[in-house]
Amino acid sequence: MDFGFVTFYSPETAAFAAKAGFDGLELFAGPELGMNLDQMTDGDVSRFAESFEKLGIRVLTLSVNPVHLEADPNGRAESNAYFIRAIKRCRRFGTDIVVTNAWSDKAKSPAENMAAYKEVFSEYAKAAEAEGVKIAVENCPHWLWYPTTVGNIAFSPEMWDAMFEAVPSEAVGLEFDPSHLVWQGIDCVKAIKDYASRIYAFHAKDTEILEDKRQKYGIIGRQFGKTSEWDAGWWRYRIPGFGQIGWKGVFNGLYEAGFAGPMIIEHEDHVFGGDQSENGMELGPLTEKGLTLGLKFLRSLDILR
């Protein structure tokens, strides 16, 4: 099992990853977020891969997140074309996994987005099959509390069933993130066992439930004094080992399933991001500390190393 963290690319970030003992990185690669693949020649990609090889790390996954199902047909066509180009260039970075969110038309319900999902992701699956690439869809709801909108429709086992029925191709699976299931009240270990064959990458992130705050705010969440649009007040994301998740059960479920994909820390722990870091995706001293602690904790459970 390879361990990494999700980040924007910089030479300094890659150097930290190598020094801290990570195996590689999940890198944002989008026209407006991270590396723009359309602006990288094949020579640029080769030099990029060589720089990682010299450091002794790898690109574990590419994170490509256009709005796949957006309402505007021109915008959707442009987004879909970029994602297919990313699939076709993915292996040149040394990975066969493209991760994404099933970004939807927020004006529609998740169920109403399924027709567009089938159309778009069927084409993605064909491209991925041809290239020997896997598409791993993360399960973060990107749910805004009020008024309720869902950005990513791949947020629950019910939706995964609908997605895999709509697009049966095994080129499409999950980047499984247990942290999003915890605050929804879903048993993440059971979900690992139930969907093991479709887990292609794993986001290692914990969730801390603040029970006293839930008694005050309820599950709908805080309405006054929010620090961001995502601030529910009664739960927060943490570095692995600092929340409620039973990680022994997680690892046991993954091992029993024969999971061999990358395990990527997604650092959104503000306790370890209190300097100039933005959700842990730009490195400062506290962010580096959080990532280092997270890696140490995860490696302590990796019985195969």
C-alpha atoms as a PDB file:
ATOM      1  CA  MET A   1       0.000   0.000   0.000  1.00  0.00           C
ATOM      2  CA  ASP A   2       1.409   3.382  -1.020  1.00  0.00           C
ATOM      3  CA  PHE A   3       0.828   6.458   1.143  1.00  0.00           C
ATOM      4  CA  GLY A   4       0.547  10.023  -0.096  1.00  0.00           C
ATOM      5  CA  PHE A   5      -1.374  13.248   0.373  1.00  0.00           C
ATOM      6  CA  VAL A   6      -3.507  15.409  -1.894  1.00  0.00           C
ATOM      7  CA  THR A   7      -2.031  18.762  -2.838  1.00  0.00           C
ATOM      8  CA  PHE A   8      -1.296  21.351  -5.455  1.00  0.00           C
ATOM      9  CA  TYR A   9       2.037  20.735  -7.133  1.00  0.00           C
ATOM     10  CA  SER A  10       5.147  22.701  -6.271  1.00  0.00           C
ATOM     11  CA  PRO A  11       8.793  21.577  -6.145  1.00  0.00           C
ATOM     12  CA  GLU A  12       8.811  22.405  -2.430  1.00  0.00           C
ATOM     13  CA  THR A  13       5.766  20.219  -1.752  1.00  0.00           C
ATOM     14  CA  ALA A  14       7.294  17.303  -3.652  1.00  0.00           C
ATOM     15  CA  ALA A  15      10.547  17.702  -1.705  1.00  0.00           C
ATOM     16  CA  PHE A  16       8.646  17.691   1.610  1.00  0.00           C
ATOM     17  CA  ALA A  17       6.765  14.537   0.597  1.00  0.00           C
ATOM     18  CA  ALA A  18      10.019  12.736  -0.111  1.00  0.00           C
ATOM     19  CA  LYS A  19      11.716  13.964   3.077  1.00  0.00           C
ATOM     20  CA  ALA A  20       8.714  13.017   5.253  1.00  0.00           C
ATOM     21  CA  GLY A  21       8.661   9.462   3.889  1.00  0.00           C
ATOM     22  CA  PHE A  22       5.581   9.573   1.662  1.00  0.00           C
ATOM     23  CA  ASP A  23       5.468   7.310  -1.369  1.00  0.00           C
ATOM     24  CA  GLY A  24       3.862   9.898  -3.603  1.00  0.00           C
ATOM     25  CA  LEU A  25       1.167  12.524  -4.135  1.00  0.00           C
ATOM     26  CA  GLU A  26      -2.340  13.004  -5.428  1.00  0.00           C
ATOM     27  CA  LEU A  27      -2.087  16.115  -7.578  1.00  0.00           C
ATOM     28  CA  PHE A  28      -4.783  18.503  -8.714  1.00  0.00           C
ATOM     29  CA  ALA A  29      -4.742  18.694 -12.496  1.00  0.00           C
ATOM     30  CA  GLY A  30      -7.417  20.976 -13.865  1.00  0.00           C
ATOM     31  CA  PRO A  31      -7.711  23.988 -16.165  1.00  0.00           C
ATOM     32  CA  GLU A  32      -8.613  26.222 -13.219  1.00  0.00           C
ATOM     33  CA  LEU A  33      -7.267  24.218 -10.269  1.00  0.00           C
ATOM     34  CA  GLY A  34      -3.738  22.855 -10.175  1.00  0.00           C
ATOM     35  CA  MET A  35      -1.730  21.848 -13.221  1.00  0.00           C
ATOM     36  CA  ASN A  36      -3.453  22.583 -16.521  1.00  0.00           C
ATOM     37  CA  LEU A  37      -2.787  19.472 -18.600  1.00  0.00           C
ATOM     38  CA  ASP A  38      -3.563  21.369 -21.802  1.00  0.00           C
ATOM     39  CA  GLN A  39      -0.593  23.621 -21.125  1.00  0.00           C
ATOM     40  CA  MET A  40       1.862  20.746 -20.594  1.00  0.00           C
ATOM     41  CA  THR A  41       3.671  19.238 -23.583  1.00  0.00           C
ATOM     42  CA  ASP A  42       4.767  15.618 -23.602  1.00  0.00           C
ATOM     43  CA  GLY A  43       8.256  16.895 -22.856  1.00  0.00           C
ATOM     44  CA  ASP A  44       6.961  18.802 -19.848  1.00  0.00           C
ATOM     45  CA  VAL A  45       5.290  15.643 -18.544  1.00  0.00           C
ATOM     46  CA  SER A  46       8.476  13.603 -19.028  1.00  0.00           C
ATOM     47  CA  ARG A  47      10.554  16.158 -17.147  1.00  0.00           C
ATOM     48  CA  PHE A  48       7.906  16.275 -14.419  1.00  0.00           C
ATOM     49  CA  ALA A  49       7.999  12.477 -14.033  1.00  0.00           C
ATOM     50  CA  GLU A  50      11.798  12.488 -13.966  1.00  0.00           C
ATOM     51  CA  SER A  51      11.834  15.053 -11.141  1.00  0.00           C
ATOM     52  CA  PHE A  52       9.598  12.775  -9.068  1.00  0.00           C
ATOM     53  CA  GLU A  53      11.768   9.750  -9.848  1.00  0.00           C
ATOM     54  CA  LYS A  54      14.859  11.598  -8.593  1.00  0.00           C
ATOM     55  CA  LEU A  55      13.061  12.297  -5.312  1.00  0.00           C
ATOM     56  CA  GLY A  56      11.988   8.677  -4.968  1.00  0.00           C
ATOM     57  CA  ILE A  57       8.257   9.441  -5.049  1.00  0.00           C
ATOM     58  CA  ARG A  58       5.459   8.911  -7.587  1.00  0.00           C
ATOM     59  CA  VAL A  59       2.282  10.506  -8.820  1.00  0.00           C
ATOM     60  CA  LEU A  60      -0.240   8.207  -7.148  1.00  0.00           C
ATOM     61  CA  THR A  61      -3.347   9.751  -8.686  1.00  0.00           C
ATOM     62  CA  LEU A  62      -4.394  12.764 -10.739  1.00  0.00           C
ATOM     63  CA  SER A  63      -7.343  14.719  -9.327  1.00  0.00           C
ATOM     64  CA  VAL A  64      -9.379  16.229 -12.174  1.00  0.00           C
ATOM     65  CA  ASN A  65     -12.612  17.980 -11.217  1.00  0.00           C
ATOM     66  CA  PRO A  66     -14.567  19.785 -13.922  1.00  0.00           C
ATOM     67  CA  VAL A  67     -18.342  20.114 -13.506  1.00  0.00           C
ATOM     68  CA  HIS A  68     -19.178  16.957 -15.431  1.00  0.00           C
ATOM     69  CA  LEU A  69     -22.973  17.376 -15.433  1.00  0.00           C
ATOM     70  CA  GLU A  70     -23.346  21.160 -15.607  1.00  0.00           C
ATOM     71  CA  ALA A  71     -26.529  22.540 -17.118  1.00  0.00           C
ATOM     72  CA  ASP A  72     -24.928  24.685 -19.815  1.00  0.00           C
ATOM     73  CA  PRO A  73     -24.358  22.362 -22.805  1.00  0.00           C
ATOM     74  CA  ASN A  74     -21.305  24.267 -24.054  1.00  0.00           C
ATOM     75  CA  GLY A  75     -19.718  24.293 -20.622  1.00  0.00           C
ATOM     76  CA  ARG A  76     -20.481  20.610 -20.161  1.00  0.00           C
ATOM     77  CA  ALA A  77     -18.964  19.712 -23.520  1.00  0.00           C
ATOM     78  CA  GLU A  78     -15.792  21.610 -22.649  1.00  0.00           C
ATOM     79  CA  SER A  79     -15.562  20.006 -19.197  1.00  0.00           C
ATOM     80  CA  ASN A  80     -16.205  16.514 -20.558  1.00  0.00           C
ATOM     81  CA  ALA A  81     -13.603  16.920 -23.287  1.00  0.00           C
ATOM     82  CA  TYR A  82     -10.974  18.051 -20.766  1.00  0.00           C
ATOM     83  CA  PHE A  83     -11.662  15.041 -18.545  1.00  0.00           C
ATOM     84  CA  ILE A  84     -11.284  12.634 -21.463  1.00  0.00           C
ATOM     85  CA  ARG A  85      -7.997  14.309 -22.397  1.00  0.00           C
ATOM     86  CA  ALA A  86      -6.878  13.793 -18.786  1.00  0.00           C
ATOM     87  CA  ILE A  87      -7.754  10.104 -19.013  1.00  0.00           C
ATOM     88  CA  LYS A  88      -5.706   9.782 -22.191  1.00  0.00           C
ATOM     89  CA  ARG A  89      -2.640  11.486 -20.639  1.00  0.00           C
ATOM     90  CA  CYS A  90      -2.911   9.942 -17.183  1.00  0.00           C
ATOM     91  CA  ARG A  91      -0.488   7.046 -17.666  1.00  0.00           C
ATOM     92  CA  ARG A  92       2.260   9.395 -18.847  1.00  0.00           C
ATOM     93  CA  PHE A  93       2.436  10.649 -15.257  1.00  0.00           C
ATOM     94  CA  GLY A  94       3.087   7.113 -14.014  1.00  0.00           C
ATOM     95  CA  THR A  95      -0.382   6.426 -12.633  1.00  0.00           C
ATOM     96  CA  ASP A  96      -3.452   4.658 -13.969  1.00  0.00           C
ATOM     97  CA  ILE A  97      -5.957   6.369 -11.648  1.00  0.00           C
ATOM     98  CA  VAL A  98      -7.854   9.597 -12.278  1.00  0.00           C
ATOM     99  CA  VAL A  99      -9.890  10.737  -9.294  1.00  0.00           C
ATOM    100  CA  THR A 100     -12.802  13.127  -9.407  1.00  0.00           C
ATOM    101  CA  ASN A 101     -16.126  14.127  -7.873  1.00  0.00           C
ATOM    102  CA  ALA A 102     -19.357  13.470  -9.756  1.00  0.00           C
ATOM    103  CA  TRP A 103     -20.002  17.211  -9.966  1.00  0.00           C
ATOM    104  CA  SER A 104     -23.621  17.778 -10.879  1.00  0.00           C
ATOM    105  CA  ASP A 105     -26.221  20.338 -11.877  1.00  0.00           C
ATOM    106  CA  LYS A 106     -27.036  21.746  -8.421  1.00  0.00           C
ATOM    107  CA  ALA A 107     -30.425  22.969  -9.587  1.00  0.00           C
ATOM    108  CA  LYS A 108     -31.483  19.328  -9.858  1.00  0.00           C
ATOM    109  CA  SER A 109     -31.760  16.632  -7.228  1.00  0.00           C
ATOM    110  CA  PRO A 110     -29.209  13.800  -7.214  1.00  0.00           C
ATOM    111  CA  ALA A 111     -31.821  11.463  -8.725  1.00  0.00           C
ATOM    112  CA  GLU A 112     -32.599  13.983 -11.474  1.00  0.00           C
ATOM    113  CA  ASN A 113     -28.877  14.126 -12.355  1.00  0.00           C
ATOM    114  CA  MET A 114     -28.658  10.394 -13.054  1.00  0.00           C
ATOM    115  CA  ALA A 115     -29.678  10.581 -16.712  1.00  0.00           C
ATOM    116  CA  ALA A 116     -26.855  13.024 -17.433  1.00  0.00           C
ATOM    117  CA  TYR A 117     -24.479  10.933 -15.302  1.00  0.00           C
ATOM    118  CA  LYS A 118     -25.202   7.849 -17.392  1.00  0.00           C
ATOM    119  CA  GLU A 119     -24.603   9.733 -20.630  1.00  0.00           C
ATOM    120  CA  VAL A 120     -21.380  11.440 -19.549  1.00  0.00           C
ATOM    121  CA  PHE A 121     -19.728   8.710 -17.508  1.00  0.00           C
ATOM    122  CA  SER A 122     -20.499   6.055 -20.128  1.00  0.00           C
ATOM    123  CA  GLU A 123     -18.238   8.014 -22.471  1.00  0.00           C
ATOM    124  CA  TYR A 124     -15.625   8.399 -19.737  1.00  0.00           C
ATOM    125  CA  ALA A 125     -15.733   4.647 -19.115  1.00  0.00           C
ATOM    126  CA  LYS A 126     -15.114   3.884 -22.792  1.00  0.00           C
ATOM    127  CA  ALA A 127     -12.084   6.172 -22.827  1.00  0.00           C
ATOM    128  CA  ALA A 128     -10.763   4.717 -19.569  1.00  0.00           C
ATOM    129  CA  GLU A 129     -11.176   1.148 -20.785  1.00  0.00           C
ATOM    130  CA  ALA A 130      -9.260   1.978 -23.955  1.00  0.00           C
ATOM    131  CA  GLU A 131      -6.394   3.523 -21.964  1.00  0.00           C
ATOM    132  CA  GLY A 132      -6.254   0.992 -19.126  1.00  0.00           C
ATOM    133  CA  VAL A 133      -7.191   3.706 -16.637  1.00  0.00           C
ATOM    134  CA  LYS A 134      -9.496   3.644 -13.610  1.00  0.00           C
ATOM    135  CA  ILE A 135     -11.816   6.510 -12.673  1.00  0.00           C
ATOM    136  CA  ALA A 136     -12.191   6.803  -8.886  1.00  0.00           C
ATOM    137  CA  VAL A 137     -15.110   9.000  -7.783  1.00  0.00           C
ATOM    138  CA  GLU A 138     -14.819  10.522  -4.322  1.00  0.00           C
ATOM    139  CA  ASN A 139     -17.853  10.433  -2.017  1.00  0.00           C
ATOM    140  CA  CYS A 140     -17.796  13.964  -0.564  1.00  0.00           C
ATOM    141  CA  PRO A 141     -21.345  15.382  -0.804  1.00  0.00           C
ATOM    142  CA  HIS A 142     -20.260  19.019  -1.148  1.00  0.00           C
ATOM    143  CA  TRP A 143     -23.584  19.633   0.546  1.00  0.00           C
ATOM    144  CA  LEU A 144     -24.470  23.170   1.566  1.00  0.00           C
ATOM    145  CA  TRP A 145     -26.675  23.111   4.602  1.00  0.00           C
ATOM    146  CA  TYR A 146     -29.261  25.774   3.808  1.00  0.00           C
ATOM    147  CA  PRO A 147     -30.650  26.083   1.260  1.00  0.00           C
ATOM    148  CA  THR A 148     -29.707  22.466   0.587  1.00  0.00           C
ATOM    149  CA  THR A 149     -27.771  21.769  -2.593  1.00  0.00           C
ATOM    150  CA  VAL A 150     -25.636  18.734  -3.408  1.00  0.00           C
ATOM    151  CA  GLY A 151     -22.545  19.296  -5.513  1.00  0.00           C
ATOM    152  CA  ASN A 152     -21.337  15.704  -5.861  1.00  0.00           C
ATOM    153  CA  ILE A 153     -23.985  13.010  -6.296  1.00  0.00           C
ATOM    154  CA  ALA A 154     -21.670  10.140  -5.244  1.00  0.00           C
ATOM    155  CA  PHE A 155     -22.264  10.655  -1.524  1.00  0.00           C
ATOM    156  CA  SER A 156     -23.912   7.442  -0.260  1.00  0.00           C
ATOM    157  CA  PRO A 157     -24.267   3.707  -0.909  1.00  0.00           C
ATOM    158  CA  GLU A 158     -27.690   4.351  -2.425  1.00  0.00           C
ATOM    159  CA  MET A 159     -26.126   6.685  -4.977  1.00  0.00           C
ATOM    160  CA  TRP A 160     -23.215   4.301  -5.654  1.00  0.00           C
ATOM    161  CA  ASP A 161     -25.726   1.571  -6.497  1.00  0.00           C
ATOM    162  CA  ALA A 162     -27.472   3.923  -8.913  1.00  0.00           C
ATOM    163  CA  MET A 163     -24.167   4.982 -10.478  1.00  0.00           C
ATOM    164  CA  PHE A 164     -22.883   1.443 -10.994  1.00  0.00           C
ATOM    165  CA  GLU A 165     -26.240   0.366 -12.413  1.00  0.00           C
ATOM    166  CA  ALA A 166     -26.238   3.305 -14.819  1.00  0.00           C
ATOM    167  CA  VAL A 167     -22.599   2.706 -15.864  1.00  0.00           C
ATOM    168  CA  PRO A 168     -21.684  -0.940 -15.140  1.00  0.00           C
ATOM    169  CA  SER A 169     -18.137  -0.617 -16.492  1.00  0.00           C
ATOM    170  CA  GLU A 170     -15.510  -1.574 -13.933  1.00  0.00           C
ATOM    171  CA  ALA A 171     -13.433   1.335 -15.219  1.00  0.00           C
ATOM    172  CA  VAL A 172     -15.530   3.482 -12.844  1.00  0.00           C
ATOM    173  CA  GLY A 173     -15.216   3.013  -9.086  1.00  0.00           C
ATOM    174  CA  LEU A 174     -14.642   4.938  -5.883  1.00  0.00           C
ATOM    175  CA  GLU A 175     -12.045   7.017  -4.168  1.00  0.00           C
ATOM    176  CA  PHE A 176     -13.430   5.966  -0.813  1.00  0.00           C
ATOM    177  CA  ASP A 177     -13.352   8.589   1.946  1.00  0.00           C
ATOM    178  CA  PRO A 178     -14.711   7.352   5.298  1.00  0.00           C
ATOM    179  CA  SER A 179     -14.825  10.829   6.853  1.00  0.00           C
ATOM    180  CA  HIS A 180     -17.865  11.879   4.829  1.00  0.00           C
ATOM    181  CA  LEU A 181     -19.807   8.773   5.825  1.00  0.00           C
ATOM    182  CA  VAL A 182     -19.268   9.267   9.563  1.00  0.00           C
ATOM    183  CA  TRP A 183     -21.192  12.519   9.921  1.00  0.00           C
ATOM    184  CA  GLN A 184     -23.939  11.089   7.697  1.00  0.00           C
ATOM    185  CA  GLY A 185     -24.357   8.221  10.165  1.00  0.00           C
ATOM    186  CA  ILE A 186     -23.170   5.552   7.691  1.00  0.00           C
ATOM    187  CA  ASP A 187     -21.007   2.644   8.872  1.00  0.00           C
ATOM    188  CA  CYS A 188     -17.813   3.157   6.869  1.00  0.00           C
ATOM    189  CA  VAL A 189     -16.386  -0.303   7.619  1.00  0.00           C
ATOM    190  CA  LYS A 190     -19.548  -2.007   6.370  1.00  0.00           C
ATOM    191  CA  ALA A 191     -19.434   0.197   3.270  1.00  0.00           C
ATOM    192  CA  ILE A 192     -15.817  -0.862   2.623  1.00  0.00           C
ATOM    193  CA  LYS A 193     -16.845  -4.516   2.771  1.00  0.00           C
ATOM    194  CA  ASP A 194     -19.936  -3.970   0.620  1.00  0.00           C
ATOM    195  CA  TYR A 195     -18.129  -2.011  -2.127  1.00  0.00           C
ATOM    196  CA  ALA A 196     -14.617  -3.417  -1.842  1.00  0.00           C
ATOM    197  CA  SER A 197     -14.369  -4.431  -5.500  1.00  0.00           C
ATOM    198  CA  ARG A 198     -15.026  -0.834  -6.589  1.00  0.00           C
ATOM    199  CA  ILE A 199     -12.570   0.934  -4.278  1.00  0.00           C
ATOM    200  CA  TYR A 200      -9.641   2.048  -6.447  1.00  0.00           C
ATOM    201  CA  ALA A 201      -8.142   4.729  -4.205  1.00  0.00           C
ATOM    202  CA  PHE A 202      -8.643   5.738  -0.586  1.00  0.00           C
ATOM    203  CA  HIS A 203      -8.793   9.169   1.029  1.00  0.00           C
ATOM    204  CA  ALA A 204      -7.477   8.879   4.574  1.00  0.00           C
ATOM    205  CA  LYS A 205      -9.344  11.486   6.591  1.00  0.00           C
ATOM    206  CA  ASP A 206     -10.975  11.253  10.016  1.00  0.00           C
ATOM    207  CA  THR A 207     -14.068  12.947  11.466  1.00  0.00           C
ATOM    208  CA  GLU A 208     -14.547  14.173  15.016  1.00  0.00           C
ATOM    209  CA  ILE A 209     -18.124  14.363  16.265  1.00  0.00           C
ATOM    210  CA  LEU A 210     -18.666  17.163  18.808  1.00  0.00           C
ATOM    211  CA  GLU A 211     -21.641  15.694  20.644  1.00  0.00           C
ATOM    212  CA  ASP A 212     -22.252  18.729  22.872  1.00  0.00           C
ATOM    213  CA  LYS A 213     -22.412  20.939  19.777  1.00  0.00           C
ATOM    214  CA  ARG A 214     -24.814  18.576  18.010  1.00  0.00           C
ATOM    215  CA  GLN A 215     -27.156  18.963  20.961  1.00  0.00           C
ATOM    216  CA  LYS A 216     -27.087  22.716  20.331  1.00  0.00           C
ATOM    217  CA  TYR A 217     -27.168  22.885  16.522  1.00  0.00           C
ATOM    218  CA  GLY A 218     -28.879  19.646  15.489  1.00  0.00           C
ATOM    219  CA  ILE A 219     -27.901  17.796  12.345  1.00  0.00           C
ATOM    220  CA  ILE A 220     -28.794  20.774  10.121  1.00  0.00           C
ATOM    221  CA  GLY A 221     -25.931  22.617  11.749  1.00  0.00           C
ATOM    222  CA  ARG A 222     -24.832  26.029  12.970  1.00  0.00           C
ATOM    223  CA  GLN A 223     -26.702  29.055  11.592  1.00  0.00           C
ATOM    224  CA  PHE A 224     -24.857  31.932  13.325  1.00  0.00           C
ATOM    225  CA  GLY A 225     -21.119  32.551  13.483  1.00  0.00           C
ATOM    226  CA  LYS A 226     -20.191  30.120  10.738  1.00  0.00           C
ATOM    227  CA  THR A 227     -16.498  30.225   9.841  1.00  0.00           C
ATOM    228  CA  SER A 228     -17.239  28.983   6.308  1.00  0.00           C
ATOM    229  CA  GLU A 229     -20.148  27.726   4.259  1.00  0.00           C
ATOM    230  CA  TRP A 230     -19.138  24.175   5.272  1.00  0.00           C
ATOM    231  CA  ASP A 231     -19.142  24.828   9.026  1.00  0.00           C
ATOM    232  CA  ALA A 232     -21.865  22.625  10.556  1.00  0.00           C
ATOM    233  CA  GLY A 233     -20.540  23.287  14.058  1.00  0.00           C
ATOM    234  CA  TRP A 234     -21.041  19.749  15.410  1.00  0.00           C
ATOM    235  CA  TRP A 235     -18.423  17.812  13.432  1.00  0.00           C
ATOM    236  CA  ARG A 236     -15.066  18.558  11.870  1.00  0.00           C
ATOM    237  CA  TYR A 237     -12.535  16.752   9.708  1.00  0.00           C
ATOM    238  CA  ARG A 238      -9.346  15.539  11.386  1.00  0.00           C
ATOM    239  CA  ILE A 239      -6.015  13.929  10.543  1.00  0.00           C
ATOM    240  CA  PRO A 240      -6.295  10.089  10.701  1.00  0.00           C
ATOM    241  CA  GLY A 241      -6.276   8.925  14.305  1.00  0.00           C
ATOM    242  CA  PHE A 242      -7.703  12.141  15.786  1.00  0.00           C
ATOM    243  CA  GLY A 243     -11.412  11.422  15.222  1.00  0.00           C
ATOM    244  CA  GLN A 244     -14.052   8.746  15.684  1.00  0.00           C
ATOM    245  CA  ILE A 245     -13.128   6.328  12.906  1.00  0.00           C
ATOM    246  CA  GLY A 246     -12.031   2.841  13.948  1.00  0.00           C
ATOM    247  CA  TRP A 247      -8.977   2.584  11.729  1.00  0.00           C
ATOM    248  CA  LYS A 248      -8.168  -1.002  12.665  1.00  0.00           C
ATOM    249  CA  GLY A 249     -11.532  -1.990  11.258  1.00  0.00           C
ATOM    250  CA  VAL A 250     -10.881   0.118   8.154  1.00  0.00           C
ATOM    251  CA  PHE A 251      -7.514  -1.506   7.486  1.00  0.00           C
ATOM    252  CA  ASN A 252      -8.866  -4.967   8.243  1.00  0.00           C
ATOM    253  CA  GLY A 253     -11.677  -4.429   5.741  1.00  0.00           C
ATOM    254  CA  LEU A 254      -9.255  -3.190   3.098  1.00  0.00           C
ATOM    255  CA  TYR A 255      -6.828  -6.069   3.640  1.00  0.00           C
ATOM    256  CA  GLU A 256      -9.573  -8.667   3.523  1.00  0.00           C
ATOM    257  CA  ALA A 257     -10.762  -7.112   0.264  1.00  0.00           C
ATOM    258  CA  GLY A 258      -7.250  -7.258  -1.211  1.00  0.00           C
ATOM    259  CA  PHE A 259      -7.064  -3.493  -1.640  1.00  0.00           C
ATOM    260  CA  ALA A 260      -3.765  -2.538  -3.240  1.00  0.00           C
ATOM    261  CA  GLY A 261      -4.472   1.033  -4.261  1.00  0.00           C
ATOM    262  CA  PRO A 262      -3.013   4.245  -2.852  1.00  0.00           C
ATOM    263  CA  MET A 263      -4.008   5.651   0.532  1.00  0.00           C
ATOM    264  CA  ILE A 264      -4.035   9.448   0.322  1.00  0.00           C
ATOM    265  CA  ILE A 265      -4.239  11.780   3.315  1.00  0.00           C
ATOM    266  CA  GLU A 266      -6.658  14.609   2.567  1.00  0.00           C
ATOM    267  CA  HIS A 267      -5.609  17.215   5.107  1.00  0.00           C
ATOM    268  CA  GLU A 268      -8.628  19.338   6.070  1.00  0.00           C
ATOM    269  CA  ASP A 269      -7.852  19.444   9.787  1.00  0.00           C
ATOM    270  CA  HIS A 270      -7.815  23.072  10.935  1.00  0.00           C
ATOM    271  CA  VAL A 271      -6.185  22.090  14.218  1.00  0.00           C
ATOM    272  CA  PHE A 272      -3.114  21.259  12.119  1.00  0.00           C
ATOM    273  CA  GLY A 273      -3.626  24.015   9.585  1.00  0.00           C
ATOM    274  CA  GLY A 274      -3.651  27.165  11.647  1.00  0.00           C
ATOM    275  CA  ASP A 275      -0.845  28.974   9.857  1.00  0.00           C
ATOM    276  CA  GLN A 276      -1.189  30.249   6.277  1.00  0.00           C
ATOM    277  CA  SER A 277      -2.261  26.838   4.964  1.00  0.00           C
ATOM    278  CA  GLU A 278      -5.580  26.545   3.169  1.00  0.00           C
ATOM    279  CA  ASN A 279      -7.194  23.331   4.398  1.00  0.00           C
ATOM    280  CA  GLY A 280      -3.775  21.754   4.507  1.00  0.00           C
ATOM    281  CA  MET A 281      -3.267  21.964   0.740  1.00  0.00           C
ATOM    282  CA  GLU A 282      -0.578  24.629   0.941  1.00  0.00           C
ATOM    283  CA  LEU A 283       2.225  23.687   3.276  1.00  0.00           C
ATOM    284  CA  GLY A 284       3.116  25.533   6.441  1.00  0.00           C
ATOM    285  CA  PRO A 285       4.672  24.205   9.686  1.00  0.00           C
ATOM    286  CA  LEU A 286       1.386  23.061  11.234  1.00  0.00           C
ATOM    287  CA  THR A 287       0.255  21.426   8.010  1.00  0.00           C
ATOM    288  CA  GLU A 288       3.537  19.558   7.707  1.00  0.00           C
ATOM    289  CA  LYS A 289       3.171  18.438  11.328  1.00  0.00           C
ATOM    290  CA  GLY A 290      -0.341  17.147  10.682  1.00  0.00           C
ATOM    291  CA  LEU A 291       0.712  15.265   7.561  1.00  0.00           C
ATOM    292  CA  THR A 292       3.697  13.745   9.363  1.00  0.00           C
ATOM    293  CA  LEU A 293       1.541  12.595  12.290  1.00  0.00           C
ATOM    294  CA  GLY A 294      -1.068  11.195   9.924  1.00  0.00           C
ATOM    295  CA  LEU A 295       1.526   9.222   7.976  1.00  0.00           C
ATOM    296  CA  LYS A 296       3.066   7.807  11.160  1.00  0.00           C
ATOM    297  CA  PHE A 297      -0.359   6.695  12.388  1.00  0.00           C
ATOM    298  CA  LEU A 298      -1.333   5.031   9.097  1.00  0.00           C
ATOM    299  CA  ARG A 299       1.992   3.228   8.730  1.00  0.00           C
ATOM    300  CA  SER A 300       1.581   1.836  12.237  1.00  0.00           C
ATOM    301  CA  LEU A 301      -1.472  -0.065  10.943  1.00  0.00           C
ATOM    302  CA  ASP A 302       0.088  -1.235   7.669  1.00  0.00           C
ATOM    303  CA  ILE A 303       0.923  -4.852   8.470  1.00  0.00           C
ATOM    304  CA  LEU A 304       2.178  -5.555   4.970  1.00  0.00           C
ATOM    305  CA  ARG A 305       5.144  -3.173   5.040  1.00  0.00           C
END
